[in-house]
PDB file of N, CA and C in Angstrom:
ATOM      1  N   MET A   1     -10.047  12.987   7.949  1.00  0.00           N
ATOM      2  CA  MET A   1      -9.507  13.028   6.646  1.00  0.00           C
ATOM      3  C   MET A   1      -9.121  11.642   6.243  1.00  0.00           C
ATOM      4  N   LYS A   2      -9.385  11.320   5.002  1.00  0.00           N
ATOM      5  CA  LYS A   2      -9.085   9.987   4.476  1.00  0.00           C
ATOM      6  C   LYS A   2      -7.911  10.245   3.429  1.00  0.00           C
ATOM      7  N   LEU A   3      -6.941   9.355   3.479  1.00  0.00           N
ATOM      8  CA  LEU A   3      -5.724   9.449   2.594  1.00  0.00           C
ATOM      9  C   LEU A   3      -5.629   8.006   1.922  1.00  0.00           C
ATOM     10  N   VAL A   4      -4.983   8.078   0.795  1.00  0.00           N
ATOM     11  CA  VAL A   4      -4.569   6.808   0.125  1.00  0.00           C
ATOM     12  C   VAL A   4      -3.137   6.903  -0.219  1.00  0.00           C
ATOM     13  N   ALA A   5      -2.454   5.759   0.010  1.00  0.00           N
ATOM     14  CA  ALA A   5      -1.098   5.737  -0.409  1.00  0.00           C
ATOM     15  C   ALA A   5      -0.992   4.683  -1.517  1.00  0.00           C
ATOM     16  N   VAL A   6      -0.523   5.082  -2.650  1.00  0.00           N
ATOM     17  CA  VAL A   6      -0.439   4.181  -3.723  1.00  0.00           C
ATOM     18  C   VAL A   6       0.949   3.941  -4.274  1.00  0.00           C
ATOM     19  N   MET A   7       1.186   2.596  -4.366  1.00  0.00           N
ATOM     20  CA  MET A   7       2.518   2.165  -4.947  1.00  0.00           C
ATOM     21  C   MET A   7       2.255   1.235  -6.154  1.00  0.00           C
ATOM     22  N   VAL A   8       3.014   1.396  -7.151  1.00  0.00           N
ATOM     23  CA  VAL A   8       2.976   0.580  -8.321  1.00  0.00           C
ATOM     24  C   VAL A   8       4.355   0.071  -8.605  1.00  0.00           C
ATOM     25  N   ARG A   9       4.506  -1.285  -8.657  1.00  0.00           N
ATOM     26  CA  ARG A   9       5.793  -1.901  -8.983  1.00  0.00           C
ATOM     27  C   ARG A   9       5.563  -3.203  -9.655  1.00  0.00           C
ATOM     28  N   THR A  10       6.657  -3.788 -10.101  1.00  0.00           N
ATOM     29  CA  THR A  10       6.653  -4.982 -10.901  1.00  0.00           C
ATOM     30  C   THR A  10       7.238  -6.096 -10.213  1.00  0.00           C
ATOM     31  N   LEU A  11       6.614  -7.272 -10.069  1.00  0.00           N
ATOM     32  CA  LEU A  11       7.231  -8.427  -9.537  1.00  0.00           C
ATOM     33  C   LEU A  11       8.358  -8.880 -10.463  1.00  0.00           C
ATOM     34  N   ASN A  12       9.450  -9.307  -9.956  1.00  0.00           N
ATOM     35  CA  ASN A  12      10.621  -9.704 -10.734  1.00  0.00           C
ATOM     36  C   ASN A  12      10.289 -10.976 -11.530  1.00  0.00           C
ATOM     37  N   ALA A  13      10.985 -11.305 -12.526  1.00  0.00           N
ATOM     38  CA  ALA A  13      10.870 -12.464 -13.351  1.00  0.00           C
ATOM     39  C   ALA A  13      10.894 -13.652 -12.463  1.00  0.00           C
ATOM     40  N   GLY A  14      10.044 -14.695 -12.594  1.00  0.00           N
ATOM     41  CA  GLY A  14      10.049 -15.863 -11.882  1.00  0.00           C
ATOM     42  C   GLY A  14       9.332 -15.708 -10.416  1.00  0.00           C
ATOM     43  N   VAL A  15       9.005 -14.561 -10.075  1.00  0.00           N
ATOM     44  CA  VAL A  15       8.348 -14.306  -8.754  1.00  0.00           C
ATOM     45  C   VAL A  15       6.834 -14.223  -8.996  1.00  0.00           C
ATOM     46  N   ASP A  16       6.103 -15.113  -8.127  1.00  0.00           N
ATOM     47  CA  ASP A  16       4.599 -14.950  -8.340  1.00  0.00           C
ATOM     48  C   ASP A  16       4.151 -14.190  -7.031  1.00  0.00           C
ATOM     49  N   TYR A  17       2.858 -13.877  -6.994  1.00  0.00           N
ATOM     50  CA  TYR A  17       2.363 -12.982  -5.973  1.00  0.00           C
ATOM     51  C   TYR A  17       2.399 -13.668  -4.574  1.00  0.00           C
ATOM     52  N   GLN A  18       2.161 -14.989  -4.614  1.00  0.00           N
ATOM     53  CA  GLN A  18       2.165 -15.672  -3.225  1.00  0.00           C
ATOM     54  C   GLN A  18       3.540 -15.620  -2.661  1.00  0.00           C
ATOM     55  N   GLU A  19       4.533 -15.758  -3.414  1.00  0.00           N
ATOM     56  CA  GLU A  19       5.961 -15.664  -2.848  1.00  0.00           C
ATOM     57  C   GLU A  19       6.200 -14.210  -2.270  1.00  0.00           C
ATOM     58  N   PHE A  20       5.781 -13.241  -3.139  1.00  0.00           N
ATOM     59  CA  PHE A  20       5.924 -11.980  -2.739  1.00  0.00           C
ATOM     60  C   PHE A  20       5.086 -11.644  -1.400  1.00  0.00           C
ATOM     61  N   ARG A  21       3.927 -12.037  -1.388  1.00  0.00           N
ATOM     62  CA  ARG A  21       3.002 -11.822  -0.241  1.00  0.00           C
ATOM     63  C   ARG A  21       3.536 -12.476   1.065  1.00  0.00           C
ATOM     64  N   ARG A  22       4.166 -13.697   0.935  1.00  0.00           N
ATOM     65  CA  ARG A  22       4.741 -14.254   2.203  1.00  0.00           C
ATOM     66  C   ARG A  22       5.811 -13.362   2.746  1.00  0.00           C
ATOM     67  N   ALA A  23       6.626 -12.805   1.777  1.00  0.00           N
ATOM     68  CA  ALA A  23       7.717 -12.036   2.304  1.00  0.00           C
ATOM     69  C   ALA A  23       7.280 -10.613   2.681  1.00  0.00           C
ATOM     70  N   TRP A  24       6.198 -10.180   2.094  1.00  0.00           N
ATOM     71  CA  TRP A  24       5.634  -8.807   2.341  1.00  0.00           C
ATOM     72  C   TRP A  24       4.897  -8.785   3.785  1.00  0.00           C
ATOM     73  N   ALA A  25       4.207  -9.790   4.178  1.00  0.00           N
ATOM     74  CA  ALA A  25       3.442  -9.789   5.412  1.00  0.00           C
ATOM     75  C   ALA A  25       4.296  -9.335   6.541  1.00  0.00           C
ATOM     76  N   PRO A  26       3.767  -8.448   7.307  1.00  0.00           N
ATOM     77  CA  PRO A  26       4.452  -7.757   8.413  1.00  0.00           C
ATOM     78  C   PRO A  26       4.717  -8.909   9.492  1.00  0.00           C
ATOM     79  N   ASP A  27       5.865  -8.918  10.061  1.00  0.00           N
ATOM     80  CA  ASP A  27       6.351  -9.890  11.120  1.00  0.00           C
ATOM     81  C   ASP A  27       5.920  -9.399  12.562  1.00  0.00           C
ATOM     82  N   GLU A  28       5.196  -8.174  12.534  1.00  0.00           N
ATOM     83  CA  GLU A  28       4.840  -7.573  13.839  1.00  0.00           C
ATOM     84  C   GLU A  28       3.595  -6.792  13.656  1.00  0.00           C
ATOM     85  N   VAL A  29       2.576  -6.857  14.475  1.00  0.00           N
ATOM     86  CA  VAL A  29       1.347  -6.050  14.334  1.00  0.00           C
ATOM     87  C   VAL A  29       1.380  -4.942  15.303  1.00  0.00           C
ATOM     88  N   VAL A  30       0.995  -3.779  14.875  1.00  0.00           N
ATOM     89  CA  VAL A  30       0.827  -2.625  15.732  1.00  0.00           C
ATOM     90  C   VAL A  30      -0.695  -2.330  15.830  1.00  0.00           C
ATOM     91  N   PRO A  31      -1.208  -2.552  16.919  1.00  0.00           N
ATOM     92  CA  PRO A  31      -2.751  -2.484  17.027  1.00  0.00           C
ATOM     93  C   PRO A  31      -3.365  -1.213  16.532  1.00  0.00           C
ATOM     94  N   ASP A  32      -2.730  -0.058  16.649  1.00  0.00           N
ATOM     95  CA  ASP A  32      -3.281   1.163  16.254  1.00  0.00           C
ATOM     96  C   ASP A  32      -2.794   1.584  14.839  1.00  0.00           C
ATOM     97  N   ASP A  33      -2.194   0.704  14.082  1.00  0.00           N
ATOM     98  CA  ASP A  33      -1.881   0.975  12.702  1.00  0.00           C
ATOM     99  C   ASP A  33      -3.019   1.507  11.879  1.00  0.00           C
ATOM    100  N   PRO A  34      -3.109   2.709  11.302  1.00  0.00           N
ATOM    101  CA  PRO A  34      -4.376   3.147  10.678  1.00  0.00           C
ATOM    102  C   PRO A  34      -4.492   2.689   9.191  1.00  0.00           C
ATOM    103  N   ARG A  35      -3.620   1.867   8.704  1.00  0.00           N
ATOM    104  CA  ARG A  35      -3.670   1.495   7.305  1.00  0.00           C
ATOM    105  C   ARG A  35      -4.526   0.183   7.021  1.00  0.00           C
ATOM    106  N   VAL A  36      -5.269   0.292   6.056  1.00  0.00           N
ATOM    107  CA  VAL A  36      -5.968  -0.923   5.452  1.00  0.00           C
ATOM    108  C   VAL A  36      -5.384  -1.043   4.078  1.00  0.00           C
ATOM    109  N   VAL A  37      -4.757  -2.244   3.644  1.00  0.00           N
ATOM    110  CA  VAL A  37      -4.046  -2.379   2.483  1.00  0.00           C
ATOM    111  C   VAL A  37      -4.771  -3.252   1.523  1.00  0.00           C
ATOM    112  N   LEU A  38      -5.023  -2.729   0.264  1.00  0.00           N
ATOM    113  CA  LEU A  38      -5.529  -3.457  -0.808  1.00  0.00           C
ATOM    114  C   LEU A  38      -4.338  -3.748  -1.734  1.00  0.00           C
ATOM    115  N   SER A  39      -4.207  -4.934  -2.238  1.00  0.00           N
ATOM    116  CA  SER A  39      -3.156  -5.465  -3.258  1.00  0.00           C
ATOM    117  C   SER A  39      -3.909  -5.922  -4.489  1.00  0.00           C
ATOM    118  N   ALA A  40      -3.363  -5.418  -5.579  1.00  0.00           N
ATOM    119  CA  ALA A  40      -4.064  -5.783  -6.890  1.00  0.00           C
ATOM    120  C   ALA A  40      -3.032  -5.989  -7.999  1.00  0.00           C
ATOM    121  N   LEU A  41      -3.366  -7.142  -8.773  1.00  0.00           N
ATOM    122  CA  LEU A  41      -2.492  -7.396  -9.900  1.00  0.00           C
ATOM    123  C   LEU A  41      -3.216  -6.867 -11.185  1.00  0.00           C
ATOM    124  N   ASN A  42      -2.476  -6.330 -12.065  1.00  0.00           N
ATOM    125  CA  ASN A  42      -2.881  -5.835 -13.356  1.00  0.00           C
ATOM    126  C   ASN A  42      -3.459  -7.065 -14.224  1.00  0.00           C
ATOM    127  N   LEU A  43      -4.743  -6.858 -14.619  1.00  0.00           N
ATOM    128  CA  LEU A  43      -5.271  -7.998 -15.423  1.00  0.00           C
ATOM    129  C   LEU A  43      -4.568  -8.277 -16.770  1.00  0.00           C
ATOM    130  N   GLU A  44      -4.062  -7.220 -17.257  1.00  0.00           N
ATOM    131  CA  GLU A  44      -3.258  -7.409 -18.578  1.00  0.00           C
ATOM    132  C   GLU A  44      -1.747  -7.778 -18.300  1.00  0.00           C
ATOM    133  N   ASP A  45      -1.256  -7.445 -17.200  1.00  0.00           N
ATOM    134  CA  ASP A  45       0.161  -7.954 -16.822  1.00  0.00           C
ATOM    135  C   ASP A  45       0.248  -8.352 -15.409  1.00  0.00           C
ATOM    136  N   PRO A  46       0.003  -9.637 -15.112  1.00  0.00           N
ATOM    137  CA  PRO A  46      -0.041 -10.071 -13.650  1.00  0.00           C
ATOM    138  C   PRO A  46       1.191  -9.900 -12.850  1.00  0.00           C
ATOM    139  N   GLN A  47       2.289  -9.459 -13.527  1.00  0.00           N
ATOM    140  CA  GLN A  47       3.493  -9.108 -12.730  1.00  0.00           C
ATOM    141  C   GLN A  47       3.466  -7.711 -12.194  1.00  0.00           C
ATOM    142  N   GLU A  48       2.575  -6.913 -12.714  1.00  0.00           N
ATOM    143  CA  GLU A  48       2.394  -5.488 -12.253  1.00  0.00           C
ATOM    144  C   GLU A  48       1.498  -5.474 -11.043  1.00  0.00           C
ATOM    145  N   LEU A  49       2.022  -5.028  -9.870  1.00  0.00           N
ATOM    146  CA  LEU A  49       1.409  -5.019  -8.647  1.00  0.00           C
ATOM    147  C   LEU A  49       1.066  -3.586  -8.105  1.00  0.00           C
ATOM    148  N   CYS A  50      -0.208  -3.265  -7.785  1.00  0.00           N
ATOM    149  CA  CYS A  50      -0.621  -2.035  -7.255  1.00  0.00           C
ATOM    150  C   CYS A  50      -1.089  -2.261  -5.779  1.00  0.00           C
ATOM    151  N   THR A  51      -0.410  -1.465  -4.884  1.00  0.00           N
ATOM    152  CA  THR A  51      -0.848  -1.592  -3.627  1.00  0.00           C
ATOM    153  C   THR A  51      -1.422  -0.243  -3.145  1.00  0.00           C
ATOM    154  N   VAL A  52      -2.554  -0.173  -2.444  1.00  0.00           N
ATOM    155  CA  VAL A  52      -3.289   0.947  -2.035  1.00  0.00           C
ATOM    156  C   VAL A  52      -3.478   0.829  -0.433  1.00  0.00           C
ATOM    157  N   ALA A  53      -2.996   1.802   0.203  1.00  0.00           N
ATOM    158  CA  ALA A  53      -3.228   1.769   1.675  1.00  0.00           C
ATOM    159  C   ALA A  53      -4.247   2.889   1.865  1.00  0.00           C
ATOM    160  N   VAL A  54      -5.325   2.517   2.484  1.00  0.00           N
ATOM    161  CA  VAL A  54      -6.417   3.501   2.858  1.00  0.00           C
ATOM    162  C   VAL A  54      -6.242   3.876   4.346  1.00  0.00           C
ATOM    163  N   VAL A  55      -6.108   5.057   4.586  1.00  0.00           N
ATOM    164  CA  VAL A  55      -5.946   5.617   5.838  1.00  0.00           C
ATOM    165  C   VAL A  55      -7.022   6.517   6.249  1.00  0.00           C
ATOM    166  N   GLU A  56      -7.864   6.206   7.165  1.00  0.00           N
ATOM    167  CA  GLU A  56      -9.001   7.118   7.584  1.00  0.00           C
ATOM    168  C   GLU A  56      -8.690   7.757   8.857  1.00  0.00           C
ATOM    169  N   ASP A  57      -9.381   8.876   9.044  1.00  0.00           N
ATOM    170  CA  ASP A  57      -9.427   9.649  10.377  1.00  0.00           C
ATOM    171  C   ASP A  57      -7.913   9.907  10.779  1.00  0.00           C
ATOM    172  N   VAL A  58      -7.136  10.421   9.868  1.00  0.00           N
ATOM    173  CA  VAL A  58      -5.750  10.829  10.272  1.00  0.00           C
ATOM    174  C   VAL A  58      -5.504  12.207   9.557  1.00  0.00           C
ATOM    175  N   GLU A  59      -4.736  12.948  10.197  1.00  0.00           N
ATOM    176  CA  GLU A  59      -4.193  14.188   9.618  1.00  0.00           C
ATOM    177  C   GLU A  59      -2.836  14.000   9.027  1.00  0.00           C
ATOM    178  N   PRO A  60      -2.531  14.635   7.914  1.00  0.00           N
ATOM    179  CA  PRO A  60      -1.240  14.451   7.254  1.00  0.00           C
ATOM    180  C   PRO A  60      -0.046  14.802   8.297  1.00  0.00           C
ATOM    181  N   ALA A  61      -0.289  15.588   9.242  1.00  0.00           N
ATOM    182  CA  ALA A  61       0.686  15.818  10.311  1.00  0.00           C
ATOM    183  C   ALA A  61       0.916  14.677  11.208  1.00  0.00           C
ATOM    184  N   ASP A  62       0.000  13.809  11.318  1.00  0.00           N
ATOM    185  CA  ASP A  62       0.147  12.635  12.128  1.00  0.00           C
ATOM    186  C   ASP A  62       1.023  11.525  11.401  1.00  0.00           C
ATOM    187  N   ILE A  63       1.192  11.569  10.096  1.00  0.00           N
ATOM    188  CA  ILE A  63       1.836  10.519   9.420  1.00  0.00           C
ATOM    189  C   ILE A  63       3.261  10.256   9.943  1.00  0.00           C
ATOM    190  N   PRO A  64       4.132  11.315  10.127  1.00  0.00           N
ATOM    191  CA  PRO A  64       5.460  11.012  10.710  1.00  0.00           C
ATOM    192  C   PRO A  64       5.506  10.381  12.050  1.00  0.00           C
ATOM    193  N   VAL A  65       4.504  10.567  12.903  1.00  0.00           N
ATOM    194  CA  VAL A  65       4.448   9.959  14.198  1.00  0.00           C
ATOM    195  C   VAL A  65       4.186   8.361  14.085  1.00  0.00           C
ATOM    196  N   TRP A  66       3.240   8.018  13.283  1.00  0.00           N
ATOM    197  CA  TRP A  66       3.018   6.578  13.181  1.00  0.00           C
ATOM    198  C   TRP A  66       4.064   5.915  12.351  1.00  0.00           C
ATOM    199  N   MET A  67       4.556   6.610  11.269  1.00  0.00           N
ATOM    200  CA  MET A  67       5.572   6.006  10.446  1.00  0.00           C
ATOM    201  C   MET A  67       6.858   5.776  11.208  1.00  0.00           C
ATOM    202  N   GLU A  68       7.154   6.574  12.108  1.00  0.00           N
ATOM    203  CA  GLU A  68       8.277   6.394  13.027  1.00  0.00           C
ATOM    204  C   GLU A  68       8.277   5.116  13.810  1.00  0.00           C
ATOM    205  N   ARG A  69       6.935   4.912  14.350  1.00  0.00           N
ATOM    206  CA  ARG A  69       6.631   3.696  15.124  1.00  0.00           C
ATOM    207  C   ARG A  69       6.816   2.435  14.231  1.00  0.00           C
ATOM    208  N   LEU A  70       6.344   2.564  12.854  1.00  0.00           N
ATOM    209  CA  LEU A  70       6.275   1.483  12.006  1.00  0.00           C
ATOM    210  C   LEU A  70       7.520   1.286  11.329  1.00  0.00           C
ATOM    211  N   ALA A  71       8.476   2.222  11.376  1.00  0.00           N
ATOM    212  CA  ALA A  71       9.681   2.178  10.565  1.00  0.00           C
ATOM    213  C   ALA A  71      10.530   0.923  10.627  1.00  0.00           C
ATOM    214  N   PRO A  72      10.715   0.422  11.902  1.00  0.00           N
ATOM    215  CA  PRO A  72      11.537  -0.841  12.006  1.00  0.00           C
ATOM    216  C   PRO A  72      10.822  -2.124  11.293  1.00  0.00           C
ATOM    217  N   ILE A  73       9.496  -2.124  11.415  1.00  0.00           N
ATOM    218  CA  ILE A  73       8.766  -3.152  10.782  1.00  0.00           C
ATOM    219  C   ILE A  73       8.851  -3.041   9.206  1.00  0.00           C
ATOM    220  N   GLU A  74       8.621  -1.856   8.799  1.00  0.00           N
ATOM    221  CA  GLU A  74       8.695  -1.577   7.245  1.00  0.00           C
ATOM    222  C   GLU A  74      10.131  -1.832   6.745  1.00  0.00           C
ATOM    223  N   GLU A  75      11.167  -1.496   7.556  1.00  0.00           N
ATOM    224  CA  GLU A  75      12.585  -1.785   7.019  1.00  0.00           C
ATOM    225  C   GLU A  75      12.805  -3.350   6.982  1.00  0.00           C
ATOM    226  N   ARG A  76      12.288  -4.042   7.981  1.00  0.00           N
ATOM    227  CA  ARG A  76      12.481  -5.554   7.868  1.00  0.00           C
ATOM    228  C   ARG A  76      11.716  -6.105   6.626  1.00  0.00           C
ATOM    229  N   ARG A  77      10.478  -5.590   6.441  1.00  0.00           N
ATOM    230  CA  ARG A  77       9.653  -5.996   5.303  1.00  0.00           C
ATOM    231  C   ARG A  77      10.377  -5.611   4.005  1.00  0.00           C
ATOM    232  N   TYR A  78      10.995  -4.464   3.895  1.00  0.00           N
ATOM    233  CA  TYR A  78      11.687  -4.004   2.702  1.00  0.00           C
ATOM    234  C   TYR A  78      12.808  -4.994   2.433  1.00  0.00           C
ATOM    235  N   GLN A  79      13.528  -5.415   3.454  1.00  0.00           N
ATOM    236  CA  GLN A  79      14.646  -6.199   3.273  1.00  0.00           C
ATOM    237  C   GLN A  79      14.264  -7.639   2.817  1.00  0.00           C
ATOM    238  N   ARG A  80      13.066  -8.068   3.155  1.00  0.00           N
ATOM    239  CA  ARG A  80      12.605  -9.408   2.645  1.00  0.00           C
ATOM    240  C   ARG A  80      12.066  -9.278   1.237  1.00  0.00           C
ATOM    241  N   ILE A  81      11.606  -8.179   0.725  1.00  0.00           N
ATOM    242  CA  ILE A  81      10.938  -8.111  -0.570  1.00  0.00           C
ATOM    243  C   ILE A  81      11.729  -7.557  -1.622  1.00  0.00           C
ATOM    244  N   ARG A  82      12.847  -6.825  -1.317  1.00  0.00           N
ATOM    245  CA  ARG A  82      13.613  -5.979  -2.301  1.00  0.00           C
ATOM    246  C   ARG A  82      14.163  -6.778  -3.382  1.00  0.00           C
ATOM    247  N   HIS A  83      14.424  -8.020  -3.269  1.00  0.00           N
ATOM    248  CA  HIS A  83      14.933  -8.892  -4.330  1.00  0.00           C
ATOM    249  C   HIS A  83      13.730  -9.542  -5.141  1.00  0.00           C
ATOM    250  N   LEU A  84      12.450  -9.307  -4.714  1.00  0.00           N
ATOM    251  CA  LEU A  84      11.381  -9.902  -5.332  1.00  0.00           C
ATOM    252  C   LEU A  84      10.687  -8.965  -6.284  1.00  0.00           C
ATOM    253  N   VAL A  85      10.923  -7.716  -6.206  1.00  0.00           N
ATOM    254  CA  VAL A  85      10.044  -6.750  -6.846  1.00  0.00           C
ATOM    255  C   VAL A  85      10.977  -5.532  -7.264  1.00  0.00           C
ATOM    256  N   SER A  86      10.513  -4.789  -8.292  1.00  0.00           N
ATOM    257  CA  SER A  86      11.268  -3.589  -8.742  1.00  0.00           C
ATOM    258  C   SER A  86      11.027  -2.518  -7.760  1.00  0.00           C
ATOM    259  N   GLU A  87      11.848  -1.393  -7.890  1.00  0.00           N
ATOM    260  CA  GLU A  87      11.554  -0.135  -7.194  1.00  0.00           C
ATOM    261  C   GLU A  87      10.130   0.418  -7.746  1.00  0.00           C
ATOM    262  N   PRO A  88       9.473   1.121  -6.855  1.00  0.00           N
ATOM    263  CA  PRO A  88       8.168   1.672  -7.239  1.00  0.00           C
ATOM    264  C   PRO A  88       8.290   2.601  -8.548  1.00  0.00           C
ATOM    265  N   ARG A  89       7.445   2.436  -9.437  1.00  0.00           N
ATOM    266  CA  ARG A  89       7.189   3.448 -10.551  1.00  0.00           C
ATOM    267  C   ARG A  89       6.298   4.584  -9.974  1.00  0.00           C
ATOM    268  N   LEU A  90       5.436   4.285  -9.061  1.00  0.00           N
ATOM    269  CA  LEU A  90       4.580   5.232  -8.402  1.00  0.00           C
ATOM    270  C   LEU A  90       4.602   5.033  -6.923  1.00  0.00           C
ATOM    271  N   ASN A  91       4.807   6.015  -6.143  1.00  0.00           N
ATOM    272  CA  ASN A  91       4.769   5.881  -4.738  1.00  0.00           C
ATOM    273  C   ASN A  91       4.438   7.201  -4.217  1.00  0.00           C
ATOM    274  N   ALA A  92       3.157   7.426  -3.882  1.00  0.00           N
ATOM    275  CA  ALA A  92       2.730   8.760  -3.471  1.00  0.00           C
ATOM    276  C   ALA A  92       1.477   8.621  -2.425  1.00  0.00           C
ATOM    277  N   VAL A  93       1.260   9.599  -1.680  1.00  0.00           N
ATOM    278  CA  VAL A  93       0.104   9.713  -0.738  1.00  0.00           C
ATOM    279  C   VAL A  93      -0.809  10.818  -1.356  1.00  0.00           C
ATOM    280  N   TYR A  94      -2.116  10.450  -1.341  1.00  0.00           N
ATOM    281  CA  TYR A  94      -3.121  11.342  -1.784  1.00  0.00           C
ATOM    282  C   TYR A  94      -4.192  11.635  -0.753  1.00  0.00           C
ATOM    283  N   ARG A  95      -4.723  12.763  -0.795  1.00  0.00           N
ATOM    284  CA  ARG A  95      -5.892  13.123   0.058  1.00  0.00           C
ATOM    285  C   ARG A  95      -7.166  12.863  -0.686  1.00  0.00           C
ATOM    286  N   VAL A  96      -8.087  12.065  -0.108  1.00  0.00           N
ATOM    287  CA  VAL A  96      -9.330  11.726  -0.824  1.00  0.00           C
ATOM    288  C   VAL A  96     -10.197  12.904  -0.807  1.00  0.00           C
ATOM    289  N   VAL A  97     -10.766  13.385  -2.031  1.00  0.00           N
ATOM    290  CA  VAL A  97     -11.481  14.521  -2.192  1.00  0.00           C
ATOM    291  C   VAL A  97     -12.956  14.226  -2.533  1.00  0.00           C
ATOM    292  N   ALA A  98     -13.230  12.955  -2.945  1.00  0.00           N
ATOM    293  CA  ALA A  98     -14.516  12.584  -3.214  1.00  0.00           C
ATOM    294  C   ALA A  98     -14.573  11.005  -3.139  1.00  0.00           C
ATOM    295  N   GLU A  99     -15.761  10.487  -2.833  1.00  0.00           N
ATOM    296  CA  GLU A  99     -16.065   9.047  -2.876  1.00  0.00           C
ATOM    297  C   GLU A  99     -17.383   8.868  -3.300  1.00  0.00           C
ATOM    298  N   ASP A 100     -17.550   8.171  -4.408  1.00  0.00           N
ATOM    299  CA  ASP A 100     -18.884   8.155  -5.114  1.00  0.00           C
ATOM    300  C   ASP A 100     -19.173   6.752  -5.365  1.00  0.00           C
ATOM    301  N   ALA A 101     -20.411   6.282  -4.976  1.00  0.00           N
ATOM    302  CA  ALA A 101     -21.030   5.022  -5.296  1.00  0.00           C
ATOM    303  C   ALA A 101     -21.728   5.228  -6.563  1.00  0.00           C
ATOM    304  N   LEU A 102     -21.210   4.729  -7.682  1.00  0.00           N
ATOM    305  CA  LEU A 102     -21.730   4.974  -9.040  1.00  0.00           C
ATOM    306  C   LEU A 102     -23.039   4.438  -9.318  1.00  0.00           C
ATOM    307  N   ALA A 103     -23.549   3.544  -8.316  1.00  0.00           N
ATOM    308  CA  ALA A 103     -24.924   3.000  -8.515  1.00  0.00           C
ATOM    309  C   ALA A 103     -26.001   3.944  -8.035  1.00  0.00           C
ATOM    310  N   HIS A 104     -25.501   5.122  -7.637  1.00  0.00           N
ATOM    311  CA  HIS A 104     -26.406   6.119  -7.118  1.00  0.00           C
ATOM    312  C   HIS A 104     -26.124   7.536  -7.766  1.00  0.00           C
ATOM    313  N   PRO A 105     -26.921   8.481  -7.898  1.00  0.00           N
ATOM    314  CA  PRO A 105     -26.621   9.827  -8.483  1.00  0.00           C
ATOM    315  C   PRO A 105     -25.426  10.412  -7.734  1.00  0.00           C
ATOM    316  N   VAL A 106     -24.593  11.082  -8.462  1.00  0.00           N
ATOM    317  CA  VAL A 106     -23.397  11.684  -7.875  1.00  0.00           C
ATOM    318  C   VAL A 106     -23.761  13.151  -7.796  1.00  0.00           C
ATOM    319  N   ALA A 107     -23.606  13.626  -6.569  1.00  0.00           N
ATOM    320  CA  ALA A 107     -23.752  15.066  -6.219  1.00  0.00           C
ATOM    321  C   ALA A 107     -22.507  15.808  -6.680  1.00  0.00           C
ATOM    322  N   VAL A 108     -22.694  16.911  -7.412  1.00  0.00           N
ATOM    323  CA  VAL A 108     -21.639  17.809  -7.785  1.00  0.00           C
ATOM    324  C   VAL A 108     -21.699  19.220  -7.385  1.00  0.00           C
TER     325      VAL A 108
END
């Protein structure tokens, strides 16, 4: 199963993405962390940040297990970024139900 976790928030006034990224970067790596994270800035409002974590080959029931392992790392990261960014306007996990390369015909 493929999941995506999506978070949308706003960088605080005077904070640029590089400052946020330095604080956001994990201070510890867990080799079997299943997430690949994409970060994107809104073209019309570069203070709006969208983060998408793609998680492949995991079942929803597995999430609490690896999140428990990652919790201390995530808490330290939160403490470093909380003054740089707003609370999320969107923070949800979705199950991917289709993946289409639009340069090719889409099967329905």
